[in-house]
PDB file of N, CA and C in Angstrom:
ATOM      1  N   MET A   1     104.142 -14.169 185.665  1.00  0.00           N
ATOM      2  CA  MET A   1     103.764 -12.359 186.328  1.00  0.00           C
ATOM      3  C   MET A   1     102.859 -11.792 187.485  1.00  0.00           C
ATOM      4  N   GLN A   2     104.038 -11.518 188.211  1.00  0.00           N
ATOM      5  CA  GLN A   2     103.636 -10.858 189.810  1.00  0.00           C
ATOM      6  C   GLN A   2     102.337 -10.153 189.696  1.00  0.00           C
ATOM      7  N   THR A   3     101.501 -10.495 190.628  1.00  0.00           N
ATOM      8  CA  THR A   3     100.708  -9.601 190.839  1.00  0.00           C
ATOM      9  C   THR A   3     100.367  -8.793 192.311  1.00  0.00           C
ATOM     10  N   ILE A   4      99.899  -7.121 192.092  1.00  0.00           N
ATOM     11  CA  ILE A   4     100.267  -6.890 193.342  1.00  0.00           C
ATOM     12  C   ILE A   4      98.374  -7.047 193.882  1.00  0.00           C
ATOM     13  N   THR A   5      98.490  -7.172 195.202  1.00  0.00           N
ATOM     14  CA  THR A   5      97.422  -7.486 196.349  1.00  0.00           C
ATOM     15  C   THR A   5      96.999  -6.350 196.983  1.00  0.00           C
ATOM     16  N   PRO A   6      96.062  -5.579 196.684  1.00  0.00           N
ATOM     17  CA  PRO A   6      95.528  -4.679 198.209  1.00  0.00           C
ATOM     18  C   PRO A   6      95.379  -5.517 199.359  1.00  0.00           C
ATOM     19  N   VAL A   7      95.572  -5.296 200.297  1.00  0.00           N
ATOM     20  CA  VAL A   7      94.802  -5.723 201.882  1.00  0.00           C
ATOM     21  C   VAL A   7      93.720  -4.529 202.197  1.00  0.00           C
ATOM     22  N   SER A   8      93.352  -4.981 203.111  1.00  0.00           N
ATOM     23  CA  SER A   8      92.076  -4.723 203.990  1.00  0.00           C
ATOM     24  C   SER A   8      91.541  -5.593 204.650  1.00  0.00           C
ATOM     25  N   THR A   9      91.888  -4.817 206.132  1.00  0.00           N
ATOM     26  CA  THR A   9      91.390  -5.771 207.491  1.00  0.00           C
ATOM     27  C   THR A   9      90.508  -4.697 208.388  1.00  0.00           C
ATOM     28  N   SER A  10      89.691  -5.305 208.726  1.00  0.00           N
ATOM     29  CA  SER A  10      88.335  -4.698 209.856  1.00  0.00           C
ATOM     30  C   SER A  10      89.156  -3.823 210.914  1.00  0.00           C
ATOM     31  N   ASN A  11      90.407  -4.466 211.408  1.00  0.00           N
ATOM     32  CA  ASN A  11      91.256  -4.647 212.545  1.00  0.00           C
ATOM     33  C   ASN A  11      92.141  -3.437 212.764  1.00  0.00           C
ATOM     34  N   ALA A  12      92.335  -2.615 211.786  1.00  0.00           N
ATOM     35  CA  ALA A  12      92.912  -1.662 211.619  1.00  0.00           C
ATOM     36  C   ALA A  12      92.238  -0.585 210.463  1.00  0.00           C
ATOM     37  N   PRO A  13      92.536   1.098 210.709  1.00  0.00           N
ATOM     38  CA  PRO A  13      91.756   2.163 210.177  1.00  0.00           C
ATOM     39  C   PRO A  13      91.365   1.744 208.906  1.00  0.00           C
ATOM     40  N   GLN A  14      90.555   2.279 208.465  1.00  0.00           N
ATOM     41  CA  GLN A  14      90.128   2.286 207.104  1.00  0.00           C
ATOM     42  C   GLN A  14      91.191   3.619 206.470  1.00  0.00           C
ATOM     43  N   ALA A  15      91.457   3.408 205.314  1.00  0.00           N
ATOM     44  CA  ALA A  15      92.207   4.305 204.543  1.00  0.00           C
ATOM     45  C   ALA A  15      91.692   5.694 204.456  1.00  0.00           C
ATOM     46  N   ILE A  16      91.969   6.759 204.573  1.00  0.00           N
ATOM     47  CA  ILE A  16      91.476   7.713 204.247  1.00  0.00           C
ATOM     48  C   ILE A  16      91.461   8.838 203.741  1.00  0.00           C
ATOM     49  N   GLY A  17      91.952   8.065 202.245  1.00  0.00           N
ATOM     50  CA  GLY A  17      92.192   8.087 201.114  1.00  0.00           C
ATOM     51  C   GLY A  17      92.513   7.088 199.973  1.00  0.00           C
ATOM     52  N   PRO A  18      92.723   7.282 198.823  1.00  0.00           N
ATOM     53  CA  PRO A  18      92.229   6.765 197.792  1.00  0.00           C
ATOM     54  C   PRO A  18      93.939   5.916 197.923  1.00  0.00           C
ATOM     55  N   TYR A  19      93.555   4.805 198.779  1.00  0.00           N
ATOM     56  CA  TYR A  19      94.733   4.066 198.748  1.00  0.00           C
ATOM     57  C   TYR A  19      94.419   3.026 200.112  1.00  0.00           C
ATOM     58  N   SER A  20      95.419   1.613 199.864  1.00  0.00           N
ATOM     59  CA  SER A  20      95.175   0.470 200.345  1.00  0.00           C
ATOM     60  C   SER A  20      95.834   0.810 202.093  1.00  0.00           C
ATOM     61  N   GLN A  21      95.479  -0.014 203.011  1.00  0.00           N
ATOM     62  CA  GLN A  21      95.997  -0.415 204.049  1.00  0.00           C
ATOM     63  C   GLN A  21      97.578  -0.870 203.833  1.00  0.00           C
ATOM     64  N   ALA A  22      97.395  -1.526 202.640  1.00  0.00           N
ATOM     65  CA  ALA A  22      99.152  -2.218 202.341  1.00  0.00           C
ATOM     66  C   ALA A  22      98.449  -3.042 201.280  1.00  0.00           C
ATOM     67  N   CYS A  23      99.807  -3.643 200.485  1.00  0.00           N
ATOM     68  CA  CYS A  23      99.969  -4.268 199.220  1.00  0.00           C
ATOM     69  C   CYS A  23     101.071  -5.028 199.313  1.00  0.00           C
ATOM     70  N   ILE A  24     100.497  -6.890 199.009  1.00  0.00           N
ATOM     71  CA  ILE A  24     101.899  -7.814 198.804  1.00  0.00           C
ATOM     72  C   ILE A  24     101.753  -7.318 197.589  1.00  0.00           C
ATOM     73  N   TYR A  25     103.013  -8.068 197.298  1.00  0.00           N
ATOM     74  CA  TYR A  25     104.354  -8.394 195.996  1.00  0.00           C
ATOM     75  C   TYR A  25     105.125  -9.436 196.279  1.00  0.00           C
ATOM     76  N   ASN A  26     104.828 -10.003 195.769  1.00  0.00           N
ATOM     77  CA  ASN A  26     105.841 -11.139 195.889  1.00  0.00           C
ATOM     78  C   ASN A  26     106.565 -11.668 196.808  1.00  0.00           C
ATOM     79  N   GLY A  27     105.247 -11.761 197.996  1.00  0.00           N
ATOM     80  CA  GLY A  27     105.861 -12.274 199.143  1.00  0.00           C
ATOM     81  C   GLY A  27     106.102 -11.078 200.111  1.00  0.00           C
ATOM     82  N   ILE A  28     106.269  -9.560 200.080  1.00  0.00           N
ATOM     83  CA  ILE A  28     106.364  -8.680 200.633  1.00  0.00           C
ATOM     84  C   ILE A  28     105.425  -7.886 200.618  1.00  0.00           C
ATOM     85  N   ILE A  29     105.487  -7.461 202.149  1.00  0.00           N
ATOM     86  CA  ILE A  29     104.210  -6.684 202.405  1.00  0.00           C
ATOM     87  C   ILE A  29     104.382  -5.029 202.501  1.00  0.00           C
ATOM     88  N   TYR A  30     103.867  -4.465 202.323  1.00  0.00           N
ATOM     89  CA  TYR A  30     104.216  -3.014 202.355  1.00  0.00           C
ATOM     90  C   TYR A  30     102.945  -2.354 202.612  1.00  0.00           C
ATOM     91  N   THR A  31     103.055  -1.803 203.789  1.00  0.00           N
ATOM     92  CA  THR A  31     102.194  -1.147 204.689  1.00  0.00           C
ATOM     93  C   THR A  31     101.779   0.705 204.402  1.00  0.00           C
ATOM     94  N   SER A  32     101.119   0.711 204.110  1.00  0.00           N
ATOM     95  CA  SER A  32     100.528   2.679 204.411  1.00  0.00           C
ATOM     96  C   SER A  32     101.008   2.978 205.513  1.00  0.00           C
ATOM     97  N   GLY A  33     101.180   4.571 205.748  1.00  0.00           N
ATOM     98  CA  GLY A  33     101.693   5.090 206.705  1.00  0.00           C
ATOM     99  C   GLY A  33     100.582   4.824 207.746  1.00  0.00           C
ATOM    100  N   GLN A  34     100.600   4.752 209.077  1.00  0.00           N
ATOM    101  CA  GLN A  34      99.511   4.528 209.861  1.00  0.00           C
ATOM    102  C   GLN A  34      99.719   6.028 211.362  1.00  0.00           C
ATOM    103  N   ILE A  35      98.618   6.307 211.125  1.00  0.00           N
ATOM    104  CA  ILE A  35      98.803   7.368 212.200  1.00  0.00           C
ATOM    105  C   ILE A  35      97.448   6.904 213.113  1.00  0.00           C
ATOM    106  N   ALA A  36      97.890   7.755 214.888  1.00  0.00           N
ATOM    107  CA  ALA A  36      96.658   7.447 215.228  1.00  0.00           C
ATOM    108  C   ALA A  36      94.962   7.269 215.298  1.00  0.00           C
ATOM    109  N   LEU A  37      94.807   6.432 214.353  1.00  0.00           N
ATOM    110  CA  LEU A  37      93.457   6.401 214.635  1.00  0.00           C
ATOM    111  C   LEU A  37      93.063   4.939 214.558  1.00  0.00           C
ATOM    112  N   THR A  38      92.206   4.848 215.376  1.00  0.00           N
ATOM    113  CA  THR A  38      91.377   3.719 215.919  1.00  0.00           C
ATOM    114  C   THR A  38      90.744   3.010 214.777  1.00  0.00           C
ATOM    115  N   PRO A  39      90.805   1.156 214.781  1.00  0.00           N
ATOM    116  CA  PRO A  39      89.801   0.877 213.816  1.00  0.00           C
ATOM    117  C   PRO A  39      88.535   1.164 213.811  1.00  0.00           C
ATOM    118  N   GLN A  40      88.136   2.302 214.594  1.00  0.00           N
ATOM    119  CA  GLN A  40      86.575   3.062 214.357  1.00  0.00           C
ATOM    120  C   GLN A  40      86.956   3.869 213.384  1.00  0.00           C
ATOM    121  N   GLY A  41      87.973   4.570 213.450  1.00  0.00           N
ATOM    122  CA  GLY A  41      88.174   5.859 212.713  1.00  0.00           C
ATOM    123  C   GLY A  41      88.566   7.133 213.730  1.00  0.00           C
ATOM    124  N   ILE A  42      88.031   6.707 214.828  1.00  0.00           N
ATOM    125  CA  ILE A  42      88.617   8.106 215.699  1.00  0.00           C
ATOM    126  C   ILE A  42      89.982   8.193 216.144  1.00  0.00           C
ATOM    127  N   PHE A  43      90.657   9.372 215.826  1.00  0.00           N
ATOM    128  CA  PHE A  43      91.294   9.559 215.913  1.00  0.00           C
ATOM    129  C   PHE A  43      92.087  10.378 217.371  1.00  0.00           C
ATOM    130  N   LEU A  44      93.130   9.440 217.954  1.00  0.00           N
ATOM    131  CA  LEU A  44      93.522   9.849 219.531  1.00  0.00           C
ATOM    132  C   LEU A  44      94.726  10.958 219.252  1.00  0.00           C
ATOM    133  N   GLU A  45      94.362  12.112 220.429  1.00  0.00           N
ATOM    134  CA  GLU A  45      95.048  12.516 219.817  1.00  0.00           C
ATOM    135  C   GLU A  45      95.901  12.724 221.259  1.00  0.00           C
ATOM    136  N   GLY A  46      95.885  12.101 222.087  1.00  0.00           N
ATOM    137  CA  GLY A  46      97.146  12.322 223.064  1.00  0.00           C
ATOM    138  C   GLY A  46      98.296  12.227 222.779  1.00  0.00           C
ATOM    139  N   ASP A  47      99.447  12.295 223.348  1.00  0.00           N
ATOM    140  CA  ASP A  47     100.568  12.389 223.495  1.00  0.00           C
ATOM    141  C   ASP A  47     101.753  11.111 223.024  1.00  0.00           C
ATOM    142  N   ILE A  48     102.845  11.580 222.433  1.00  0.00           N
ATOM    143  CA  ILE A  48     103.210  11.022 221.595  1.00  0.00           C
ATOM    144  C   ILE A  48     103.615   9.128 221.857  1.00  0.00           C
ATOM    145  N   ARG A  49     103.178   8.836 223.717  1.00  0.00           N
ATOM    146  CA  ARG A  49     103.102   7.421 223.691  1.00  0.00           C
ATOM    147  C   ARG A  49     102.066   6.824 223.429  1.00  0.00           C
ATOM    148  N   THR A  50     100.903   7.675 223.066  1.00  0.00           N
ATOM    149  CA  THR A  50      99.910   6.725 222.880  1.00  0.00           C
ATOM    150  C   THR A  50      99.332   7.016 222.166  1.00  0.00           C
ATOM    151  N   GLN A  51      99.892   7.624 220.871  1.00  0.00           N
ATOM    152  CA  GLN A  51      99.797   7.971 219.481  1.00  0.00           C
ATOM    153  C   GLN A  51     100.472   6.565 218.789  1.00  0.00           C
ATOM    154  N   SER A  52     101.905   6.478 219.728  1.00  0.00           N
ATOM    155  CA  SER A  52     102.634   5.559 218.315  1.00  0.00           C
ATOM    156  C   SER A  52     102.371   4.103 219.138  1.00  0.00           C
ATOM    157  N   LYS A  53     101.493   3.876 220.235  1.00  0.00           N
ATOM    158  CA  LYS A  53     101.176   2.640 220.906  1.00  0.00           C
ATOM    159  C   LYS A  53     100.184   2.448 219.981  1.00  0.00           C
ATOM    160  N   GLN A  54      98.695   3.501 219.134  1.00  0.00           N
ATOM    161  CA  GLN A  54      98.273   3.047 217.892  1.00  0.00           C
ATOM    162  C   GLN A  54      99.134   2.584 217.141  1.00  0.00           C
ATOM    163  N   VAL A  55      99.403   3.550 216.702  1.00  0.00           N
ATOM    164  CA  VAL A  55      99.832   3.559 215.359  1.00  0.00           C
ATOM    165  C   VAL A  55     100.717   1.623 214.915  1.00  0.00           C
ATOM    166  N   LEU A  56     101.295   1.518 216.370  1.00  0.00           N
ATOM    167  CA  LEU A  56     101.795  -0.135 216.539  1.00  0.00           C
ATOM    168  C   LEU A  56     100.820  -0.743 216.413  1.00  0.00           C
ATOM    169  N   GLU A  57     100.004  -0.677 216.583  1.00  0.00           N
ATOM    170  CA  GLU A  57      98.895  -1.492 217.061  1.00  0.00           C
ATOM    171  C   GLU A  57      98.271  -1.662 215.852  1.00  0.00           C
ATOM    172  N   ASN A  58      97.910   0.040 215.503  1.00  0.00           N
ATOM    173  CA  ASN A  58      97.329  -0.752 213.408  1.00  0.00           C
ATOM    174  C   ASN A  58      98.268  -1.512 213.055  1.00  0.00           C
ATOM    175  N   LEU A  59      99.583  -1.173 212.827  1.00  0.00           N
ATOM    176  CA  LEU A  59     100.644  -2.005 211.796  1.00  0.00           C
ATOM    177  C   LEU A  59     100.510  -3.301 212.152  1.00  0.00           C
ATOM    178  N   LYS A  60     100.851  -3.730 213.847  1.00  0.00           N
ATOM    179  CA  LYS A  60     100.631  -5.004 214.236  1.00  0.00           C
ATOM    180  C   LYS A  60      98.835  -6.068 213.681  1.00  0.00           C
ATOM    181  N   ALA A  61      98.062  -5.414 213.344  1.00  0.00           N
ATOM    182  CA  ALA A  61      97.097  -5.518 212.940  1.00  0.00           C
ATOM    183  C   ALA A  61      96.582  -6.064 211.181  1.00  0.00           C
ATOM    184  N   ILE A  62      97.722  -4.877 210.937  1.00  0.00           N
ATOM    185  CA  ILE A  62      97.146  -5.120 209.060  1.00  0.00           C
ATOM    186  C   ILE A  62      98.174  -6.860 209.147  1.00  0.00           C
ATOM    187  N   LEU A  63      99.540  -6.347 209.786  1.00  0.00           N
ATOM    188  CA  LEU A  63     100.368  -7.650 209.640  1.00  0.00           C
ATOM    189  C   LEU A  63      99.778  -8.845 209.868  1.00  0.00           C
ATOM    190  N   GLU A  64      98.943  -9.179 210.963  1.00  0.00           N
ATOM    191  CA  GLU A  64      98.732 -10.361 212.005  1.00  0.00           C
ATOM    192  C   GLU A  64      97.537 -10.943 210.973  1.00  0.00           C
ATOM    193  N   SER A  65      96.985  -9.689 210.028  1.00  0.00           N
ATOM    194  CA  SER A  65      95.379 -10.603 208.839  1.00  0.00           C
ATOM    195  C   SER A  65      96.266 -11.019 208.144  1.00  0.00           C
ATOM    196  N   LEU A  66      97.433 -10.974 207.602  1.00  0.00           N
ATOM    197  CA  LEU A  66      98.512 -11.718 206.472  1.00  0.00           C
ATOM    198  C   LEU A  66      99.005 -12.983 206.948  1.00  0.00           C
ATOM    199  N   ASN A  67      98.995 -13.452 208.382  1.00  0.00           N
ATOM    200  CA  ASN A  67      99.758 -13.727 209.033  1.00  0.00           C
ATOM    201  C   ASN A  67     100.623 -13.946 209.275  1.00  0.00           C
ATOM    202  N   SER A  68     101.384 -12.587 209.244  1.00  0.00           N
ATOM    203  CA  SER A  68     102.737 -11.995 209.615  1.00  0.00           C
ATOM    204  C   SER A  68     103.120 -11.726 210.505  1.00  0.00           C
ATOM    205  N   GLY A  69     103.486 -10.793 211.457  1.00  0.00           N
ATOM    206  CA  GLY A  69     103.705  -9.858 212.593  1.00  0.00           C
ATOM    207  C   GLY A  69     105.170  -9.182 212.526  1.00  0.00           C
ATOM    208  N   LEU A  70     104.902  -8.169 213.241  1.00  0.00           N
ATOM    209  CA  LEU A  70     106.025  -7.468 213.984  1.00  0.00           C
ATOM    210  C   LEU A  70     107.624  -8.339 213.720  1.00  0.00           C
ATOM    211  N   HIS A  71     107.610  -9.598 213.980  1.00  0.00           N
ATOM    212  CA  HIS A  71     108.600  -9.766 214.212  1.00  0.00           C
ATOM    213  C   HIS A  71     108.944 -10.252 212.800  1.00  0.00           C
ATOM    214  N   LYS A  72     108.306  -9.974 211.597  1.00  0.00           N
ATOM    215  CA  LYS A  72     108.831  -9.839 209.992  1.00  0.00           C
ATOM    216  C   LYS A  72     108.881  -9.143 209.486  1.00  0.00           C
ATOM    217  N   VAL A  73     109.643  -7.966 210.546  1.00  0.00           N
ATOM    218  CA  VAL A  73     109.187  -6.549 209.685  1.00  0.00           C
ATOM    219  C   VAL A  73     110.778  -6.593 209.132  1.00  0.00           C
ATOM    220  N   ILE A  74     111.229  -5.965 208.184  1.00  0.00           N
ATOM    221  CA  ILE A  74     112.048  -5.564 207.947  1.00  0.00           C
ATOM    222  C   ILE A  74     112.591  -4.514 207.482  1.00  0.00           C
ATOM    223  N   LYS A  75     111.615  -3.278 207.327  1.00  0.00           N
ATOM    224  CA  LYS A  75     111.860  -1.895 207.672  1.00  0.00           C
ATOM    225  C   LYS A  75     110.776  -0.968 207.977  1.00  0.00           C
ATOM    226  N   THR A  76     111.577  -0.370 208.948  1.00  0.00           N
ATOM    227  CA  THR A  76     110.284   1.026 209.460  1.00  0.00           C
ATOM    228  C   THR A  76     110.604   2.129 208.685  1.00  0.00           C
ATOM    229  N   THR A  77     109.584   2.803 208.294  1.00  0.00           N
ATOM    230  CA  THR A  77     109.642   4.222 208.449  1.00  0.00           C
ATOM    231  C   THR A  77     109.056   5.160 208.975  1.00  0.00           C
ATOM    232  N   VAL A  78     109.620   5.842 210.315  1.00  0.00           N
ATOM    233  CA  VAL A  78     109.054   7.179 210.965  1.00  0.00           C
ATOM    234  C   VAL A  78     108.728   8.378 210.553  1.00  0.00           C
ATOM    235  N   PHE A  79     107.888   8.466 210.722  1.00  0.00           N
ATOM    236  CA  PHE A  79     107.962  10.595 210.899  1.00  0.00           C
ATOM    237  C   PHE A  79     107.624  10.980 212.021  1.00  0.00           C
ATOM    238  N   LEU A  80     108.072  11.754 212.394  1.00  0.00           N
ATOM    239  CA  LEU A  80     107.576  12.825 213.488  1.00  0.00           C
ATOM    240  C   LEU A  80     107.251  13.983 212.966  1.00  0.00           C
ATOM    241  N   SER A  81     106.419  14.487 213.834  1.00  0.00           N
ATOM    242  CA  SER A  81     106.179  16.112 214.034  1.00  0.00           C
ATOM    243  C   SER A  81     107.015  16.999 214.773  1.00  0.00           C
ATOM    244  N   ASP A  82     108.077  16.136 215.679  1.00  0.00           N
ATOM    245  CA  ASP A  82     109.128  16.862 215.926  1.00  0.00           C
ATOM    246  C   ASP A  82     109.897  16.227 216.601  1.00  0.00           C
ATOM    247  N   MET A  83     110.979  15.992 216.245  1.00  0.00           N
ATOM    248  CA  MET A  83     112.202  15.275 217.312  1.00  0.00           C
ATOM    249  C   MET A  83     112.160  15.509 218.402  1.00  0.00           C
ATOM    250  N   GLU A  84     112.124  16.598 219.132  1.00  0.00           N
ATOM    251  CA  GLU A  84     111.217  15.796 220.452  1.00  0.00           C
ATOM    252  C   GLU A  84     110.778  14.940 221.457  1.00  0.00           C
ATOM    253  N   HIS A  85     110.479  14.102 219.913  1.00  0.00           N
ATOM    254  CA  HIS A  85     109.561  13.068 220.684  1.00  0.00           C
ATOM    255  C   HIS A  85     110.036  11.338 220.287  1.00  0.00           C
ATOM    256  N   PHE A  86     111.464  11.808 219.405  1.00  0.00           N
ATOM    257  CA  PHE A  86     112.508  10.945 218.743  1.00  0.00           C
ATOM    258  C   PHE A  86     112.518  10.186 220.293  1.00  0.00           C
ATOM    259  N   ASN A  87     113.154  10.313 221.488  1.00  0.00           N
ATOM    260  CA  ASN A  87     112.928   9.412 222.760  1.00  0.00           C
ATOM    261  C   ASN A  87     112.149   8.928 223.295  1.00  0.00           C
ATOM    262  N   ALA A  88     110.662   9.237 223.473  1.00  0.00           N
ATOM    263  CA  ALA A  88     109.668   9.121 223.973  1.00  0.00           C
ATOM    264  C   ALA A  88     109.254   7.797 222.894  1.00  0.00           C
ATOM    265  N   LEU A  89     108.756   8.338 221.649  1.00  0.00           N
ATOM    266  CA  LEU A  89     108.974   7.482 220.679  1.00  0.00           C
ATOM    267  C   LEU A  89     109.586   6.132 220.941  1.00  0.00           C
ATOM    268  N   ASN A  90     110.604   5.580 220.510  1.00  0.00           N
ATOM    269  CA  ASN A  90     112.023   4.751 220.929  1.00  0.00           C
ATOM    270  C   ASN A  90     111.429   3.875 221.623  1.00  0.00           C
ATOM    271  N   GLU A  91     111.142   4.709 223.167  1.00  0.00           N
ATOM    272  CA  GLU A  91     110.244   3.352 224.178  1.00  0.00           C
ATOM    273  C   GLU A  91     109.737   3.080 224.132  1.00  0.00           C
ATOM    274  N   VAL A  92     108.561   3.174 223.248  1.00  0.00           N
ATOM    275  CA  VAL A  92     107.602   2.833 222.795  1.00  0.00           C
ATOM    276  C   VAL A  92     107.498   1.500 221.582  1.00  0.00           C
ATOM    277  N   TYR A  93     108.283   2.182 220.487  1.00  0.00           N
ATOM    278  CA  TYR A  93     109.218   1.073 219.391  1.00  0.00           C
ATOM    279  C   TYR A  93     109.763   0.062 220.092  1.00  0.00           C
ATOM    280  N   ALA A  94     110.109   0.241 221.115  1.00  0.00           N
ATOM    281  CA  ALA A  94     111.400  -0.736 221.592  1.00  0.00           C
ATOM    282  C   ALA A  94     110.204  -1.788 222.420  1.00  0.00           C
ATOM    283  N   GLN A  95     109.229  -1.298 222.660  1.00  0.00           N
ATOM    284  CA  GLN A  95     108.425  -2.559 223.670  1.00  0.00           C
ATOM    285  C   GLN A  95     107.204  -3.589 222.610  1.00  0.00           C
ATOM    286  N   TYR A  96     107.233  -2.617 221.523  1.00  0.00           N
ATOM    287  CA  TYR A  96     106.458  -3.968 220.313  1.00  0.00           C
ATOM    288  C   TYR A  96     107.716  -3.958 219.533  1.00  0.00           C
ATOM    289  N   PHE A  97     109.000  -3.709 219.086  1.00  0.00           N
ATOM    290  CA  PHE A  97     109.989  -4.840 218.136  1.00  0.00           C
ATOM    291  C   PHE A  97     110.937  -5.609 219.367  1.00  0.00           C
ATOM    292  N   GLY A  98     110.725  -5.530 220.661  1.00  0.00           N
ATOM    293  CA  GLY A  98     112.437  -6.624 221.206  1.00  0.00           C
ATOM    294  C   GLY A  98     113.195  -6.052 220.980  1.00  0.00           C
ATOM    295  N   ASN A  99     113.657  -7.481 220.820  1.00  0.00           N
ATOM    296  CA  ASN A  99     114.910  -7.988 220.654  1.00  0.00           C
ATOM    297  C   ASN A  99     115.160  -7.981 218.877  1.00  0.00           C
ATOM    298  N   HIS A 100     113.922  -7.652 218.114  1.00  0.00           N
ATOM    299  CA  HIS A 100     113.912  -8.033 216.504  1.00  0.00           C
ATOM    300  C   HIS A 100     113.983  -6.322 216.405  1.00  0.00           C
ATOM    301  N   LYS A 101     115.017  -6.041 215.935  1.00  0.00           N
ATOM    302  CA  LYS A 101     115.379  -4.510 215.114  1.00  0.00           C
ATOM    303  C   LYS A 101     115.375  -4.454 213.794  1.00  0.00           C
ATOM    304  N   PRO A 102     113.929  -4.144 212.899  1.00  0.00           N
ATOM    305  CA  PRO A 102     114.480  -3.882 211.382  1.00  0.00           C
ATOM    306  C   PRO A 102     114.956  -2.889 211.404  1.00  0.00           C
ATOM    307  N   ALA A 103     115.549  -2.546 210.322  1.00  0.00           N
ATOM    308  CA  ALA A 103     115.965  -1.153 209.447  1.00  0.00           C
ATOM    309  C   ALA A 103     114.917   0.040 209.767  1.00  0.00           C
ATOM    310  N   ARG A 104     115.825   0.762 210.207  1.00  0.00           N
ATOM    311  CA  ARG A 104     114.550   2.656 210.352  1.00  0.00           C
ATOM    312  C   ARG A 104     115.378   3.866 209.705  1.00  0.00           C
ATOM    313  N   SER A 105     114.151   4.670 209.507  1.00  0.00           N
ATOM    314  CA  SER A 105     114.409   5.460 209.270  1.00  0.00           C
ATOM    315  C   SER A 105     113.333   6.373 209.337  1.00  0.00           C
ATOM    316  N   THR A 106     114.189   7.716 210.643  1.00  0.00           N
ATOM    317  CA  THR A 106     113.349   8.425 211.231  1.00  0.00           C
ATOM    318  C   THR A 106     113.475   9.667 210.610  1.00  0.00           C
ATOM    319  N   ILE A 107     111.736  10.412 210.764  1.00  0.00           N
ATOM    320  CA  ILE A 107     112.401  11.868 209.636  1.00  0.00           C
ATOM    321  C   ILE A 107     110.885  12.416 210.108  1.00  0.00           C
ATOM    322  N   ALA A 108     111.823  14.101 210.320  1.00  0.00           N
ATOM    323  CA  ALA A 108     111.066  15.060 210.730  1.00  0.00           C
ATOM    324  C   ALA A 108     110.394  16.097 209.849  1.00  0.00           C
ATOM    325  N   VAL A 109     109.051  15.963 209.813  1.00  0.00           N
ATOM    326  CA  VAL A 109     108.788  16.462 209.422  1.00  0.00           C
ATOM    327  C   VAL A 109     107.560  17.499 209.460  1.00  0.00           C
ATOM    328  N   LYS A 110     106.782  18.335 208.569  1.00  0.00           N
ATOM    329  CA  LYS A 110     106.218  19.473 208.882  1.00  0.00           C
ATOM    330  C   LYS A 110     104.773  19.678 209.875  1.00  0.00           C
ATOM    331  N   THR A 111     103.977  18.643 208.701  1.00  0.00           N
ATOM    332  CA  THR A 111     102.784  18.579 209.001  1.00  0.00           C
ATOM    333  C   THR A 111     102.740  16.911 208.906  1.00  0.00           C
ATOM    334  N   LEU A 112     101.552  16.397 209.827  1.00  0.00           N
ATOM    335  CA  LEU A 112     101.163  14.825 209.253  1.00  0.00           C
ATOM    336  C   LEU A 112      99.384  14.968 209.038  1.00  0.00           C
ATOM    337  N   PRO A 113      98.781  13.730 208.758  1.00  0.00           N
ATOM    338  CA  PRO A 113      97.142  13.951 208.212  1.00  0.00           C
ATOM    339  C   PRO A 113      96.654  13.780 209.771  1.00  0.00           C
ATOM    340  N   LYS A 114      95.699  14.740 210.146  1.00  0.00           N
ATOM    341  CA  LYS A 114      95.038  15.312 211.264  1.00  0.00           C
ATOM    342  C   LYS A 114      96.176  15.814 212.265  1.00  0.00           C
ATOM    343  N   ASN A 115      96.930  16.094 211.505  1.00  0.00           N
ATOM    344  CA  ASN A 115      98.143  16.758 212.821  1.00  0.00           C
ATOM    345  C   ASN A 115      98.579  15.923 213.612  1.00  0.00           C
ATOM    346  N   ALA A 116      98.878  14.866 213.110  1.00  0.00           N
ATOM    347  CA  ALA A 116      99.417  13.602 214.203  1.00  0.00           C
ATOM    348  C   ALA A 116     100.328  13.623 214.805  1.00  0.00           C
ATOM    349  N   LEU A 117     101.155  13.270 215.725  1.00  0.00           N
ATOM    350  CA  LEU A 117     102.408  13.257 215.925  1.00  0.00           C
ATOM    351  C   LEU A 117     103.773  12.522 215.425  1.00  0.00           C
ATOM    352  N   VAL A 118     102.684  11.524 215.117  1.00  0.00           N
ATOM    353  CA  VAL A 118     103.743  10.125 214.351  1.00  0.00           C
ATOM    354  C   VAL A 118     102.882   9.376 213.625  1.00  0.00           C
ATOM    355  N   GLU A 119     103.824   9.079 212.713  1.00  0.00           N
ATOM    356  CA  GLU A 119     103.589   8.050 211.441  1.00  0.00           C
ATOM    357  C   GLU A 119     104.392   7.276 211.030  1.00  0.00           C
ATOM    358  N   ILE A 120     103.807   5.833 211.197  1.00  0.00           N
ATOM    359  CA  ILE A 120     104.790   5.127 210.620  1.00  0.00           C
ATOM    360  C   ILE A 120     104.217   3.867 209.745  1.00  0.00           C
ATOM    361  N   GLU A 121     105.304   3.603 208.077  1.00  0.00           N
ATOM    362  CA  GLU A 121     104.995   2.826 207.409  1.00  0.00           C
ATOM    363  C   GLU A 121     105.849   1.401 207.798  1.00  0.00           C
ATOM    364  N   CYS A 122     105.912   0.087 207.378  1.00  0.00           N
ATOM    365  CA  CYS A 122     106.647  -0.632 207.234  1.00  0.00           C
ATOM    366  C   CYS A 122     106.449  -1.470 205.938  1.00  0.00           C
ATOM    367  N   ILE A 123     107.588  -2.454 205.829  1.00  0.00           N
ATOM    368  CA  ILE A 123     107.880  -3.445 204.830  1.00  0.00           C
ATOM    369  C   ILE A 123     108.269  -4.691 205.585  1.00  0.00           C
ATOM    370  N   ALA A 124     107.629  -5.967 205.097  1.00  0.00           N
ATOM    371  CA  ALA A 124     107.077  -6.973 206.540  1.00  0.00           C
ATOM    372  C   ALA A 124     107.375  -8.020 205.092  1.00  0.00           C
ATOM    373  N   THR A 125     107.535  -9.443 205.531  1.00  0.00           N
ATOM    374  CA  THR A 125     107.314 -10.477 204.679  1.00  0.00           C
ATOM    375  C   THR A 125     106.369 -11.510 205.101  1.00  0.00           C
ATOM    376  N   LEU A 126     105.855 -12.141 204.283  1.00  0.00           N
ATOM    377  CA  LEU A 126     104.517 -13.156 204.430  1.00  0.00           C
ATOM    378  C   LEU A 126     105.075 -14.143 206.057  1.00  0.00           C
TER     379      LEU A 126
END
């Protein structure tokens, strides 16, 4: 029987609720949604580019703590507070993923935790 292993690293912000930064099951990493919190828990209230960079740095840190990385991401789900941020998000996102283009869904939502502009979760391989 496969077990679910919760993940925690000090290189990314700790969960702000009753959940893990990520879980591993059967060689697959499922991250929780990341917002623009620094590893010290400080929320960056900057523009969409600033927040997107921090979110992607958080995901990168979680994956790298497991000897994985953004190059092993299978799928991301992006939550935006406003679709007006779509193009700016894509600019930052492309800098992190380069030629690796995982599957992705982008959804506009009413609000996000801490009134963040963006939240991203991902599924990756070990």
